[in-house]
PDB file of all heavy atoms in Angstrom:
ATOM      1  N   GLY A   1      -8.628 -76.587   4.650  1.00  0.00           N
ATOM      2  CA  GLY A   1      -8.721 -77.824   5.411  1.00  0.00           C
ATOM      3  C   GLY A   1      -9.554 -77.649   6.642  1.00  0.00           C
ATOM      4  O   GLY A   1      -9.525 -76.560   7.308  1.00  0.00           O
ATOM      5  N   ASP A   2     -10.387 -78.617   6.990  1.00  0.00           N
ATOM      6  CA  ASP A   2     -11.160 -78.556   8.230  1.00  0.00           C
ATOM      7  C   ASP A   2     -10.818 -79.801   9.085  1.00  0.00           C
ATOM      8  O   ASP A   2     -10.269 -80.763   8.591  1.00  0.00           O
ATOM      9  CB  ASP A   2     -12.657 -78.438   7.994  1.00  0.00           C
ATOM     10  CG  ASP A   2     -13.236 -79.678   7.354  1.00  0.00           C
ATOM     11  OD1 ASP A   2     -12.477 -80.562   6.863  1.00  0.00           O
ATOM     12  OD2 ASP A   2     -14.465 -79.765   7.267  1.00  0.00           O
ATOM     13  N   ASN A   3     -11.098 -79.674  10.369  1.00  0.00           N
ATOM     14  CA  ASN A   3     -10.733 -80.759  11.344  1.00  0.00           C
ATOM     15  C   ASN A   3      -9.212 -80.966  11.349  1.00  0.00           C
ATOM     16  O   ASN A   3      -8.777 -82.120  11.468  1.00  0.00           O
ATOM     17  CB  ASN A   3     -11.518 -82.017  11.112  1.00  0.00           C
ATOM     18  CG  ASN A   3     -11.577 -82.878  12.294  1.00  0.00           C
ATOM     19  OD1 ASN A   3     -11.465 -82.388  13.444  1.00  0.00           O
ATOM     20  ND2 ASN A   3     -11.769 -84.145  12.135  1.00  0.00           N
ATOM     21  N   CYS A   4      -8.457 -79.901  11.134  1.00  0.00           N
ATOM     22  CA  CYS A   4      -6.974 -80.016  11.122  1.00  0.00           C
ATOM     23  C   CYS A   4      -6.382 -78.804  11.765  1.00  0.00           C
ATOM     24  O   CYS A   4      -5.281 -78.399  11.427  1.00  0.00           O
ATOM     25  CB  CYS A   4      -6.485 -80.132   9.701  1.00  0.00           C
ATOM     26  SG  CYS A   4      -6.862 -78.722   8.648  1.00  0.00           S
ATOM     27  N   GLY A   5      -7.109 -78.193  12.746  1.00  0.00           N
ATOM     28  CA  GLY A   5      -6.570 -76.991  13.386  1.00  0.00           C
ATOM     29  C   GLY A   5      -5.259 -77.155  14.111  1.00  0.00           C
ATOM     30  O   GLY A   5      -4.787 -78.313  14.370  1.00  0.00           O
ATOM     31  N   LEU A   6      -4.643 -76.077  14.478  1.00  0.00           N
ATOM     32  CA  LEU A   6      -3.372 -76.068  15.181  1.00  0.00           C
ATOM     33  C   LEU A   6      -3.529 -76.128  16.708  1.00  0.00           C
ATOM     34  O   LEU A   6      -4.398 -75.432  17.196  1.00  0.00           O
ATOM     35  CB  LEU A   6      -2.632 -74.793  14.786  1.00  0.00           C
ATOM     36  CG  LEU A   6      -1.182 -74.589  15.151  1.00  0.00           C
ATOM     37  CD1 LEU A   6      -0.298 -75.666  14.440  1.00  0.00           C
ATOM     38  CD2 LEU A   6      -0.681 -73.228  14.731  1.00  0.00           C
ATOM     39  N   ILE A   7      -2.758 -76.994  17.334  1.00  0.00           N
ATOM     40  CA  ILE A   7      -2.879 -77.180  18.778  1.00  0.00           C
ATOM     41  C   ILE A   7      -2.346 -76.033  19.597  1.00  0.00           C
ATOM     42  O   ILE A   7      -2.791 -75.696  20.653  1.00  0.00           O
ATOM     43  CB  ILE A   7      -2.302 -78.517  19.272  1.00  0.00           C
ATOM     44  CG1 ILE A   7      -2.719 -78.827  20.659  1.00  0.00           C
ATOM     45  CG2 ILE A   7      -0.756 -78.505  19.121  1.00  0.00           C
ATOM     46  CD1 ILE A   7      -2.441 -80.254  21.111  1.00  0.00           C
ATOM     47  N   ALA A   8      -1.230 -75.400  19.104  1.00  0.00           N
ATOM     48  CA  ALA A   8      -0.566 -74.288  19.794  1.00  0.00           C
ATOM     49  C   ALA A   8       0.160 -73.432  18.798  1.00  0.00           C
ATOM     50  O   ALA A   8       0.494 -73.910  17.685  1.00  0.00           O
ATOM     51  CB  ALA A   8       0.444 -74.853  20.817  1.00  0.00           C
ATOM     52  N   GLN A   9       0.426 -72.197  19.151  1.00  0.00           N
ATOM     53  CA  GLN A   9       0.964 -71.238  18.254  1.00  0.00           C
ATOM     54  C   GLN A   9       2.252 -71.648  17.629  1.00  0.00           C
ATOM     55  O   GLN A   9       2.538 -71.404  16.410  1.00  0.00           O
ATOM     56  CB  GLN A   9       1.192 -69.924  18.993  1.00  0.00           C
ATOM     57  CG  GLN A   9       1.730 -68.807  18.165  1.00  0.00           C
ATOM     58  CD  GLN A   9       1.936 -67.513  18.943  1.00  0.00           C
ATOM     59  OE1 GLN A   9       1.891 -67.477  20.134  1.00  0.00           O
ATOM     60  NE2 GLN A   9       2.143 -66.432  18.212  1.00  0.00           N
ATOM     61  N   LYS A  10       3.141 -72.366  18.326  1.00  0.00           N
ATOM     62  CA  LYS A  10       4.421 -72.717  17.833  1.00  0.00           C
ATOM     63  C   LYS A  10       4.501 -74.237  17.387  1.00  0.00           C
ATOM     64  O   LYS A  10       5.588 -74.815  17.252  1.00  0.00           O
ATOM     65  CB  LYS A  10       5.498 -72.556  18.902  1.00  0.00           C
ATOM     66  CG  LYS A  10       5.568 -71.181  19.444  1.00  0.00           C
ATOM     67  CD  LYS A  10       6.259 -70.258  18.470  1.00  0.00           C
ATOM     68  CE  LYS A  10       6.416 -68.843  19.146  1.00  0.00           C
ATOM     69  NZ  LYS A  10       6.929 -67.907  18.198  1.00  0.00           N
ATOM     70  N   ALA A  11       3.347 -74.822  17.042  1.00  0.00           N
ATOM     71  CA  ALA A  11       3.278 -76.199  16.728  1.00  0.00           C
ATOM     72  C   ALA A  11       3.264 -76.501  15.233  1.00  0.00           C
ATOM     73  O   ALA A  11       2.794 -77.495  14.712  1.00  0.00           O
ATOM     74  CB  ALA A  11       2.091 -76.883  17.376  1.00  0.00           C
ATOM     75  N   ALA A  12       3.765 -75.515  14.425  1.00  0.00           N
ATOM     76  CA  ALA A  12       3.855 -75.673  12.949  1.00  0.00           C
ATOM     77  C   ALA A  12       5.186 -75.286  12.442  1.00  0.00           C
ATOM     78  O   ALA A  12       5.883 -74.413  13.038  1.00  0.00           O
ATOM     79  CB  ALA A  12       2.789 -74.817  12.275  1.00  0.00           C
ATOM     80  N   THR A  13       5.654 -75.892  11.395  1.00  0.00           N
ATOM     81  CA  THR A  13       6.938 -75.568  10.775  1.00  0.00           C
ATOM     82  C   THR A  13       6.830 -75.841   9.289  1.00  0.00           C
ATOM     83  O   THR A  13       5.874 -76.497   8.813  1.00  0.00           O
ATOM     84  CB  THR A  13       8.054 -76.408  11.360  1.00  0.00           C
ATOM     85  OG1 THR A  13       9.338 -75.867  10.941  1.00  0.00           O
ATOM     86  CG2 THR A  13       7.991 -77.887  11.033  1.00  0.00           C
ATOM     87  N   VAL A  14       7.819 -75.352   8.540  1.00  0.00           N
ATOM     88  CA  VAL A  14       7.940 -75.644   7.128  1.00  0.00           C
ATOM     89  C   VAL A  14       9.250 -76.366   6.904  1.00  0.00           C
ATOM     90  O   VAL A  14      10.284 -75.955   7.357  1.00  0.00           O
ATOM     91  CB  VAL A  14       7.900 -74.369   6.246  1.00  0.00           C
ATOM     92  CG1 VAL A  14       8.141 -74.730   4.793  1.00  0.00           C
ATOM     93  CG2 VAL A  14       6.588 -73.663   6.418  1.00  0.00           C
ATOM     94  N   ILE A  15       9.151 -77.534   6.270  1.00  0.00           N
ATOM     95  CA  ILE A  15      10.350 -78.326   5.930  1.00  0.00           C
ATOM     96  C   ILE A  15      10.449 -78.355   4.390  1.00  0.00           C
ATOM     97  O   ILE A  15       9.536 -78.883   3.746  1.00  0.00           O
ATOM     98  CB  ILE A  15      10.265 -79.758   6.521  1.00  0.00           C
ATOM     99  CG1 ILE A  15      10.086 -79.661   8.067  1.00  0.00           C
ATOM    100  CG2 ILE A  15      11.504 -80.510   6.120  1.00  0.00           C
ATOM    101  CD1 ILE A  15       9.820 -80.922   8.699  1.00  0.00           C
ATOM    102  N   GLY A  16      11.468 -77.700   3.882  1.00  0.00           N
ATOM    103  CA  GLY A  16      11.505 -77.526   2.443  1.00  0.00           C
ATOM    104  C   GLY A  16      10.486 -76.447   2.073  1.00  0.00           C
ATOM    105  O   GLY A  16      10.548 -75.332   2.471  1.00  0.00           O
ATOM    106  N   THR A  17       9.473 -76.889   1.366  1.00  0.00           N
ATOM    107  CA  THR A  17       8.316 -76.057   1.035  1.00  0.00           C
ATOM    108  C   THR A  17       7.012 -76.550   1.600  1.00  0.00           C
ATOM    109  O   THR A  17       5.970 -76.030   1.320  1.00  0.00           O
ATOM    110  CB  THR A  17       8.212 -75.864  -0.502  1.00  0.00           C
ATOM    111  OG1 THR A  17       7.961 -77.164  -1.053  1.00  0.00           O
ATOM    112  CG2 THR A  17       9.425 -75.250  -1.083  1.00  0.00           C
ATOM    113  N   VAL A  18       7.072 -77.577   2.415  1.00  0.00           N
ATOM    114  CA  VAL A  18       5.899 -78.223   2.920  1.00  0.00           C
ATOM    115  C   VAL A  18       5.622 -77.892   4.375  1.00  0.00           C
ATOM    116  O   VAL A  18       6.454 -78.181   5.254  1.00  0.00           O
ATOM    117  CB  VAL A  18       5.969 -79.816   2.820  1.00  0.00           C
ATOM    118  CG1 VAL A  18       4.765 -80.475   3.299  1.00  0.00           C
ATOM    119  CG2 VAL A  18       6.274 -80.150   1.341  1.00  0.00           C
ATOM    120  N   PRO A  19       4.463 -77.344   4.708  1.00  0.00           N
ATOM    121  CA  PRO A  19       4.090 -77.069   6.104  1.00  0.00           C
ATOM    122  C   PRO A  19       3.726 -78.365   6.784  1.00  0.00           C
ATOM    123  O   PRO A  19       3.032 -79.227   6.256  1.00  0.00           O
ATOM    124  CB  PRO A  19       2.922 -76.148   6.039  1.00  0.00           C
ATOM    125  CG  PRO A  19       2.898 -75.639   4.644  1.00  0.00           C
ATOM    126  CD  PRO A  19       3.573 -76.651   3.826  1.00  0.00           C
ATOM    127  N   TYR A  20       4.165 -78.561   8.056  1.00  0.00           N
ATOM    128  CA  TYR A  20       3.843 -79.654   8.958  1.00  0.00           C
ATOM    129  C   TYR A  20       3.299 -79.050  10.254  1.00  0.00           C
ATOM    130  O   TYR A  20       3.857 -78.083  10.688  1.00  0.00           O
ATOM    131  CB  TYR A  20       5.046 -80.561   9.244  1.00  0.00           C
ATOM    132  CG  TYR A  20       5.506 -81.314   8.046  1.00  0.00           C
ATOM    133  CD1 TYR A  20       6.350 -80.750   7.096  1.00  0.00           C
ATOM    134  CD2 TYR A  20       5.192 -82.662   7.894  1.00  0.00           C
ATOM    135  CE1 TYR A  20       6.809 -81.486   6.027  1.00  0.00           C
ATOM    136  CE2 TYR A  20       5.664 -83.397   6.836  1.00  0.00           C
ATOM    137  CZ  TYR A  20       6.478 -82.786   5.906  1.00  0.00           C
ATOM    138  OH  TYR A  20       6.920 -83.559   4.831  1.00  0.00           O
ATOM    139  N   TRP A  21       2.327 -79.683  10.846  1.00  0.00           N
ATOM    140  CA  TRP A  21       1.804 -79.213  12.137  1.00  0.00           C
ATOM    141  C   TRP A  21       1.085 -80.261  12.925  1.00  0.00           C
ATOM    142  O   TRP A  21       0.777 -81.331  12.452  1.00  0.00           O
ATOM    143  CB  TRP A  21       0.848 -78.033  11.881  1.00  0.00           C
ATOM    144  CG  TRP A  21      -0.443 -78.302  11.207  1.00  0.00           C
ATOM    145  CD1 TRP A  21      -1.638 -78.518  11.851  1.00  0.00           C
ATOM    146  CD2 TRP A  21      -0.713 -78.350   9.810  1.00  0.00           C
ATOM    147  NE1 TRP A  21      -2.625 -78.753  10.943  1.00  0.00           N
ATOM    148  CE2 TRP A  21      -2.088 -78.613   9.670  1.00  0.00           C
ATOM    149  CE3 TRP A  21       0.111 -78.206   8.679  1.00  0.00           C
ATOM    150  CZ2 TRP A  21      -2.656 -78.788   8.398  1.00  0.00           C
ATOM    151  CZ3 TRP A  21      -0.509 -78.324   7.463  1.00  0.00           C
ATOM    152  CH2 TRP A  21      -1.846 -78.588   7.323  1.00  0.00           C
ATOM    153  N   MET A  22       0.927 -79.916  14.219  1.00  0.00           N
ATOM    154  CA  MET A  22       0.262 -80.812  15.163  1.00  0.00           C
ATOM    155  C   MET A  22      -1.104 -80.212  15.553  1.00  0.00           C
ATOM    156  O   MET A  22      -1.187 -78.992  15.820  1.00  0.00           O
ATOM    157  CB  MET A  22       1.091 -80.891  16.428  1.00  0.00           C
ATOM    158  CG  MET A  22       0.578 -81.769  17.514  1.00  0.00           C
ATOM    159  SD  MET A  22       1.714 -81.791  18.938  1.00  0.00           S
ATOM    160  CE  MET A  22       0.839 -82.871  20.073  1.00  0.00           C
ATOM    161  N   SER A  23      -2.143 -81.009  15.518  1.00  0.00           N
ATOM    162  CA  SER A  23      -3.454 -80.584  15.961  1.00  0.00           C
ATOM    163  C   SER A  23      -3.728 -81.241  17.301  1.00  0.00           C
ATOM    164  O   SER A  23      -2.814 -81.909  17.859  1.00  0.00           O
ATOM    165  CB  SER A  23      -4.554 -80.997  14.956  1.00  0.00           C
ATOM    166  OG  SER A  23      -4.858 -82.360  15.058  1.00  0.00           O
ATOM    167  N   ASP A  24      -4.917 -81.099  17.766  1.00  0.00           N
ATOM    168  CA  ASP A  24      -5.282 -81.743  19.010  1.00  0.00           C
ATOM    169  C   ASP A  24      -5.609 -83.205  18.898  1.00  0.00           C
ATOM    170  O   ASP A  24      -5.911 -83.895  19.850  1.00  0.00           O
ATOM    171  CB  ASP A  24      -6.432 -81.016  19.741  1.00  0.00           C
ATOM    172  CG  ASP A  24      -7.699 -81.052  18.921  1.00  0.00           C
ATOM    173  OD1 ASP A  24      -7.718 -81.554  17.840  1.00  0.00           O
ATOM    174  OD2 ASP A  24      -8.751 -80.569  19.455  1.00  0.00           O
ATOM    175  N   HIS A  25      -5.538 -83.722  17.653  1.00  0.00           N
ATOM    176  CA  HIS A  25      -5.856 -85.128  17.468  1.00  0.00           C
ATOM    177  C   HIS A  25      -5.031 -85.802  16.372  1.00  0.00           C
ATOM    178  O   HIS A  25      -5.328 -86.930  15.930  1.00  0.00           O
ATOM    179  CB  HIS A  25      -7.317 -85.321  17.124  1.00  0.00           C
ATOM    180  CG  HIS A  25      -7.722 -84.651  15.782  1.00  0.00           C
ATOM    181  ND1 HIS A  25      -7.967 -83.281  15.731  1.00  0.00           N
ATOM    182  CD2 HIS A  25      -7.809 -85.114  14.519  1.00  0.00           C
ATOM    183  CE1 HIS A  25      -8.247 -82.935  14.467  1.00  0.00           C
ATOM    184  NE2 HIS A  25      -8.164 -84.114  13.737  1.00  0.00           N
ATOM    185  N   GLY A  26      -3.944 -85.182  15.853  1.00  0.00           N
ATOM    186  CA  GLY A  26      -3.106 -85.788  14.864  1.00  0.00           C
ATOM    187  C   GLY A  26      -2.054 -84.847  14.304  1.00  0.00           C
ATOM    188  O   GLY A  26      -1.967 -83.706  14.760  1.00  0.00           O
ATOM    189  N   PHE A  27      -1.337 -85.331  13.332  1.00  0.00           N
ATOM    190  CA  PHE A  27      -0.271 -84.569  12.673  1.00  0.00           C
ATOM    191  C   PHE A  27      -0.628 -84.419  11.186  1.00  0.00           C
ATOM    192  O   PHE A  27      -1.179 -85.353  10.622  1.00  0.00           O
ATOM    193  CB  PHE A  27       1.050 -85.284  12.815  1.00  0.00           C
ATOM    194  CG  PHE A  27       1.488 -85.483  14.267  1.00  0.00           C
ATOM    195  CD1 PHE A  27       1.225 -86.667  14.896  1.00  0.00           C
ATOM    196  CD2 PHE A  27       2.104 -84.469  14.910  1.00  0.00           C
ATOM    197  CE1 PHE A  27       1.571 -86.857  16.226  1.00  0.00           C
ATOM    198  CE2 PHE A  27       2.478 -84.612  16.272  1.00  0.00           C
ATOM    199  CZ  PHE A  27       2.209 -85.832  16.909  1.00  0.00           C
ATOM    200  N   PHE A  28      -0.357 -83.284  10.641  1.00  0.00           N
ATOM    201  CA  PHE A  28      -0.817 -82.947   9.278  1.00  0.00           C
ATOM    202  C   PHE A  28       0.327 -82.300   8.462  1.00  0.00           C
ATOM    203  O   PHE A  28       1.296 -81.830   9.046  1.00  0.00           O
ATOM    204  CB  PHE A  28      -1.975 -81.968   9.343  1.00  0.00           C
ATOM    205  CG  PHE A  28      -3.194 -82.536   9.973  1.00  0.00           C
ATOM    206  CD1 PHE A  28      -3.386 -82.560  11.315  1.00  0.00           C
ATOM    207  CD2 PHE A  28      -4.198 -83.153   9.173  1.00  0.00           C
ATOM    208  CE1 PHE A  28      -4.522 -83.119  11.900  1.00  0.00           C
ATOM    209  CE2 PHE A  28      -5.325 -83.675   9.691  1.00  0.00           C
ATOM    210  CZ  PHE A  28      -5.503 -83.663  11.083  1.00  0.00           C
ATOM    211  N   ARG A  29       0.117 -82.313   7.161  1.00  0.00           N
ATOM    212  CA  ARG A  29       0.988 -81.602   6.243  1.00  0.00           C
ATOM    213  C   ARG A  29       0.201 -81.161   4.998  1.00  0.00           C
ATOM    214  O   ARG A  29      -0.921 -81.694   4.804  1.00  0.00           O
ATOM    215  CB  ARG A  29       2.124 -82.479   5.829  1.00  0.00           C
ATOM    216  CG  ARG A  29       1.735 -83.642   4.907  1.00  0.00           C
ATOM    217  CD  ARG A  29       2.906 -84.473   4.432  1.00  0.00           C
ATOM    218  NE  ARG A  29       2.448 -85.803   4.033  1.00  0.00           N
ATOM    219  CZ  ARG A  29       2.993 -86.930   4.349  1.00  0.00           C
ATOM    220  NH1 ARG A  29       4.086 -86.970   5.051  1.00  0.00           N
ATOM    221  NH2 ARG A  29       2.480 -88.049   3.950  1.00  0.00           N
ATOM    222  N   MET A  30       0.713 -80.239   4.263  1.00  0.00           N
ATOM    223  CA  MET A  30       0.116 -79.800   3.039  1.00  0.00           C
ATOM    224  C   MET A  30       0.693 -80.704   1.928  1.00  0.00           C
ATOM    225  O   MET A  30       1.915 -80.733   1.753  1.00  0.00           O
ATOM    226  CB  MET A  30       0.416 -78.363   2.718  1.00  0.00           C
ATOM    227  CG  MET A  30      -0.402 -77.375   3.491  1.00  0.00           C
ATOM    228  SD  MET A  30      -2.137 -77.436   3.122  1.00  0.00           S
ATOM    229  CE  MET A  30      -2.161 -77.035   1.449  1.00  0.00           C
ATOM    230  N   GLY A  31      -0.168 -81.487   1.278  1.00  0.00           N
ATOM    231  CA  GLY A  31       0.277 -82.344   0.192  1.00  0.00           C
ATOM    232  C   GLY A  31      -0.175 -81.682  -1.127  1.00  0.00           C
ATOM    233  O   GLY A  31      -0.761 -80.591  -1.148  1.00  0.00           O
ATOM    234  N   SER A  32       0.094 -82.350  -2.211  1.00  0.00           N
ATOM    235  CA  SER A  32      -0.225 -81.811  -3.548  1.00  0.00           C
ATOM    236  C   SER A  32      -1.740 -81.687  -3.712  1.00  0.00           C
ATOM    237  O   SER A  32      -2.217 -80.863  -4.472  1.00  0.00           O
ATOM    238  CB  SER A  32       0.394 -82.681  -4.625  1.00  0.00           C
ATOM    239  OG  SER A  32      -0.092 -84.010  -4.499  1.00  0.00           O
ATOM    240  N   GLY A  33      -2.503 -82.537  -3.008  1.00  0.00           N
ATOM    241  CA  GLY A  33      -3.948 -82.515  -3.121  1.00  0.00           C
ATOM    242  C   GLY A  33      -4.574 -81.716  -1.976  1.00  0.00           C
ATOM    243  O   GLY A  33      -5.852 -81.753  -1.882  1.00  0.00           O
ATOM    244  N   GLY A  34      -3.829 -81.059  -1.143  1.00  0.00           N
ATOM    245  CA  GLY A  34      -4.422 -80.330  -0.011  1.00  0.00           C
ATOM    246  C   GLY A  34      -3.888 -80.843   1.275  1.00  0.00           C
ATOM    247  O   GLY A  34      -2.822 -81.475   1.352  1.00  0.00           O
ATOM    248  N   VAL A  35      -4.687 -80.614   2.383  1.00  0.00           N
ATOM    249  CA  VAL A  35      -4.263 -81.071   3.720  1.00  0.00           C
ATOM    250  C   VAL A  35      -4.344 -82.618   3.816  1.00  0.00           C
ATOM    251  O   VAL A  35      -5.306 -83.190   3.384  1.00  0.00           O
ATOM    252  CB  VAL A  35      -5.201 -80.428   4.755  1.00  0.00           C
ATOM    253  CG1 VAL A  35      -4.896 -80.997   6.106  1.00  0.00           C
ATOM    254  CG2 VAL A  35      -5.088 -78.948   4.724  1.00  0.00           C
ATOM    255  N   GLU A  36      -3.267 -83.217   4.363  1.00  0.00           N
ATOM    256  CA  GLU A  36      -3.179 -84.627   4.584  1.00  0.00           C
ATOM    257  C   GLU A  36      -2.849 -84.927   6.019  1.00  0.00           C
ATOM    258  O   GLU A  36      -1.984 -84.322   6.587  1.00  0.00           O
ATOM    259  CB  GLU A  36      -2.054 -85.241   3.773  1.00  0.00           C
ATOM    260  CG  GLU A  36      -2.079 -85.044   2.274  1.00  0.00           C
ATOM    261  CD  GLU A  36      -0.879 -85.531   1.571  1.00  0.00           C
ATOM    262  OE1 GLU A  36       0.123 -85.854   2.217  1.00  0.00           O
ATOM    263  OE2 GLU A  36      -0.937 -85.556   0.309  1.00  0.00           O
TER     264      GLU A  36
END
């Protein structure tokens, strides 16, 4: 994924099996088709 970087070291988590994180311009997760 590009344009989806992490804003800070502790700004990502996994809920179930899905990673969620905060970038400097939005919130993202890994979906079945890649970064969403």
